[in-house]
Each structure stands twice: as structure tokens, then as C-alpha cells.
Amino acid sequence: MPNTSVRAAAEAMPAANLNRRLALLGGLTAAAAFAATPRANAGANKGHADPLADAITEYRAGAAQFAAIPSELIDIGNEEDFVQATYGPAFDRLWDDCPPATSLRGVAEAIRFTIESRCIACSSSENTLVAALAFLEQEHGL
């Protein structure tokens, strides 16, 4: 599959020439590891709508759909169509018009999303996000 330019995760970084499928699969591997992390079932705002958490959930579902498409079906001519049919709209919303977090669940999901993306500029930033998420999970059961 040919390489395709995609937007970098941080505005300060130039766009990288990456294969979207490989990058996405790497993120899904991290997401699966995070999903396996034990979390309390009870939590503040659990079950209530949160626009940011919902957008992240929609992105993850679309990314999983994209990753499930056999590689031989995707080429440079149709890749963008597949992206827009799966995770593209949710990604665009997170990139261009990110909805607000309206609950602690939204904050926790934003932290998980950032850590899963592995696009943090330095490990100290990642470490602070991990520490913040650990607090939310422990203190609020998120």
C-alpha cells in the first residue's frame, strides 16, 4: 500500500508521510492495552452523555472498522473514501471542532485518547497525563 501524508497530531509538528493503516493499527494496539487496564465500574457521571467522550468513542469504533478492512482492498485512489466512511468524521471533529468535556468521564477519556495516540511531544508530558488519569480512575472510578 502506498504511503499517504496525514496531519501530524501536534500542530507544532510537520505532517508526516505515514501509512494511515499502520499508524492506526499501532494506536489500536495501545488502545487495546489500555482497555485491558482494570477500572472501577462505578464513577462520577457514568452513563451521562459527554460530547468529548462520545466523539472519542465514535472515533475508536470507526478506527476499528477501518483496521478491519483487508489491506488489499485499500489503495491510494480509494483510501480517503474508506477513511471518511469509518473514522474520518469523528477524527475531523476531534481535530477541527473538538467538543467540550462536560464530565469527569470526558476528561478521563481525553487523557486516555492522548496517551493512546502516542503523539505526545515528550515523555514528561505523557507521565503527567498518566498520573492525572490514575488520580481520576482511583478517586472517581473512571
Protein backbone atom coordinates (compact mmCIF):
# COMPACT_ATOMS: atom_id res chain seq x y z
CA MET A 1 0.00 0.00 0.00
CA PRO A 2 1.43 3.43 -0.87
CA ASN A 3 2.32 5.97 1.78
CA THR A 4 -0.08 8.85 2.33
CA SER A 5 0.51 12.20 4.01
CA VAL A 6 -1.57 12.65 7.13
CA ARG A 7 -1.87 15.53 9.56
CA ALA A 8 0.51 15.43 12.48
CA ALA A 9 -1.07 15.03 15.90
CA ALA A 10 0.52 18.21 17.25
CA GLU A 11 0.32 21.49 15.38
CA ALA A 12 3.99 22.22 16.02
CA MET A 13 5.00 19.05 14.22
CA PRO A 14 5.15 18.88 10.42
CA ALA A 15 2.84 16.48 8.61
CA ALA A 16 4.40 13.05 8.49
CA ASN A 17 4.48 10.75 5.49
CA LEU A 18 2.87 7.71 7.10
CA ASN A 19 0.82 4.78 6.10
CA ARG A 20 -2.51 5.50 7.82
CA ARG A 21 -3.32 1.85 8.32
CA LEU A 22 -0.04 1.10 10.12
CA ALA A 23 -0.31 4.21 12.26
CA LEU A 24 -3.89 3.42 13.13
CA LEU A 25 -3.14 -0.19 13.98
CA GLY A 26 -0.37 0.97 16.31
CA GLY A 27 -2.85 3.20 18.09
CA LEU A 28 -5.39 0.40 18.29
CA THR A 29 -2.80 -1.85 19.90
CA ALA A 30 -2.24 0.79 22.56
CA ALA A 31 -5.99 1.24 22.94
CA ALA A 32 -6.44 -2.50 23.46
CA ALA A 33 -3.77 -2.46 26.17
CA PHE A 34 -5.49 0.47 27.86
CA ALA A 35 -8.86 -1.26 27.61
CA ALA A 36 -7.39 -4.22 29.46
CA THR A 37 -6.38 -1.97 32.37
CA PRO A 38 -8.70 -2.62 35.31
CA ARG A 39 -11.00 0.27 36.13
CA ALA A 40 -13.71 0.66 38.71
CA ASN A 41 -17.19 0.17 37.33
CA ALA A 42 -18.73 2.97 39.33
CA GLY A 43 -17.85 6.55 38.60
CA ALA A 44 -18.95 10.14 38.56
CA ASN A 45 -21.10 10.98 35.57
CA LYS A 46 -21.04 7.38 34.40
CA GLY A 47 -23.77 6.81 31.85
CA HIS A 48 -24.34 10.52 31.23
CA ALA A 49 -23.67 11.95 27.79
CA ASP A 50 -20.40 13.80 27.37
CA PRO A 51 -19.75 15.25 23.89
CA LEU A 52 -15.99 14.72 24.06
CA ALA A 53 -16.18 11.17 25.41
CA ASP A 54 -18.84 10.34 22.80
CA ALA A 55 -16.69 11.73 19.96
CA ILE A 56 -13.71 9.69 21.16
CA THR A 57 -15.88 6.56 21.37
CA GLU A 58 -17.13 7.20 17.83
CA TYR A 59 -13.54 7.67 16.61
CA ARG A 60 -12.42 4.39 18.21
CA ALA A 61 -15.34 2.48 16.66
CA GLY A 62 -14.59 3.92 13.22
CA ALA A 63 -10.86 3.23 13.61
CA ALA A 64 -11.65 -0.40 14.41
CA GLN A 65 -13.86 -0.61 11.31
CA PHE A 66 -11.06 0.85 9.18
CA ALA A 67 -8.49 -1.54 10.63
CA ALA A 68 -10.79 -4.48 9.81
CA ILE A 69 -10.78 -3.65 6.08
CA PRO A 70 -8.43 -6.04 4.26
CA SER A 71 -5.27 -4.20 3.14
CA GLU A 72 -5.61 -5.44 -0.42
CA LEU A 73 -8.89 -3.53 -0.79
CA ILE A 74 -7.30 -0.17 0.02
CA ASP A 75 -5.19 1.82 -2.42
CA ILE A 76 -4.22 5.46 -2.88
CA GLY A 77 -7.31 6.05 -5.02
CA ASN A 78 -9.91 4.85 -2.51
CA GLU A 79 -8.25 5.22 0.88
CA GLU A 80 -9.84 8.60 1.64
CA ASP A 81 -13.28 7.16 0.86
CA PHE A 82 -12.68 4.36 3.37
CA VAL A 83 -11.41 6.87 5.95
CA GLN A 84 -14.48 9.08 5.53
CA ALA A 85 -16.76 6.05 5.78
CA THR A 86 -15.18 4.93 9.06
CA TYR A 87 -13.18 7.08 11.48
CA GLY A 88 -12.72 10.23 9.37
CA PRO A 89 -15.72 12.31 10.50
CA ALA A 90 -15.04 11.69 14.20
CA PHE A 91 -11.32 12.40 13.74
CA ASP A 92 -12.12 15.63 11.91
CA ARG A 93 -14.42 16.68 14.75
CA LEU A 94 -11.67 15.98 17.31
CA TRP A 95 -9.11 17.82 15.15
CA ASP A 96 -11.06 20.84 13.92
CA ASP A 97 -14.00 21.38 16.26
CA CYS A 98 -13.25 19.44 19.41
CA PRO A 99 -16.35 19.21 21.59
CA PRO A 100 -16.08 20.16 25.25
CA ALA A 101 -15.75 17.70 28.09
CA THR A 102 -18.80 18.08 30.30
CA SER A 103 -17.92 15.47 32.91
CA LEU A 104 -15.01 13.78 34.62
CA ARG A 105 -15.60 10.87 32.23
CA GLY A 106 -14.88 13.21 29.31
CA VAL A 107 -11.68 14.41 30.98
CA ALA A 108 -10.55 10.83 31.61
CA GLU A 109 -11.33 9.79 28.03
CA ALA A 110 -9.41 12.79 26.69
CA ILE A 111 -6.39 11.76 28.73
CA ARG A 112 -6.69 8.13 27.57
CA PHE A 113 -7.07 9.26 23.94
CA THR A 114 -3.92 11.40 24.17
CA ILE A 115 -1.87 8.65 25.77
CA GLU A 116 -3.16 6.02 23.31
CA SER A 117 -2.25 8.20 20.33
CA ARG A 118 1.42 8.09 21.32
CA CYS A 119 1.87 11.53 19.79
CA ILE A 120 2.91 13.37 22.90
CA ALA A 121 5.95 15.54 22.30
CA CYS A 122 7.91 14.44 25.37
CA SER A 123 7.78 11.69 27.95
CA SER A 124 7.33 14.16 30.81
CA SER A 125 4.04 15.23 29.21
CA GLU A 126 2.97 11.62 28.93
CA ASN A 127 3.98 10.94 32.52
CA THR A 128 1.89 13.84 33.80
CA LEU A 129 -1.13 12.64 31.82
CA VAL A 130 -0.68 9.11 33.18
CA ALA A 131 -0.51 10.49 36.71
CA ALA A 132 -3.63 12.63 36.18
CA LEU A 133 -5.54 9.71 34.71
CA ALA A 134 -4.51 7.46 37.59
CA PHE A 135 -5.95 10.01 40.01
CA LEU A 136 -9.24 10.23 38.11
CA GLU A 137 -9.50 6.45 37.97
CA GLN A 138 -8.67 5.97 41.65
CA GLU A 139 -10.60 8.87 43.15
CA HIS A 140 -13.59 8.93 40.84
CA GLY A 141 -13.75 5.37 39.46
CA LEU A 142 -13.43 6.44 35.84
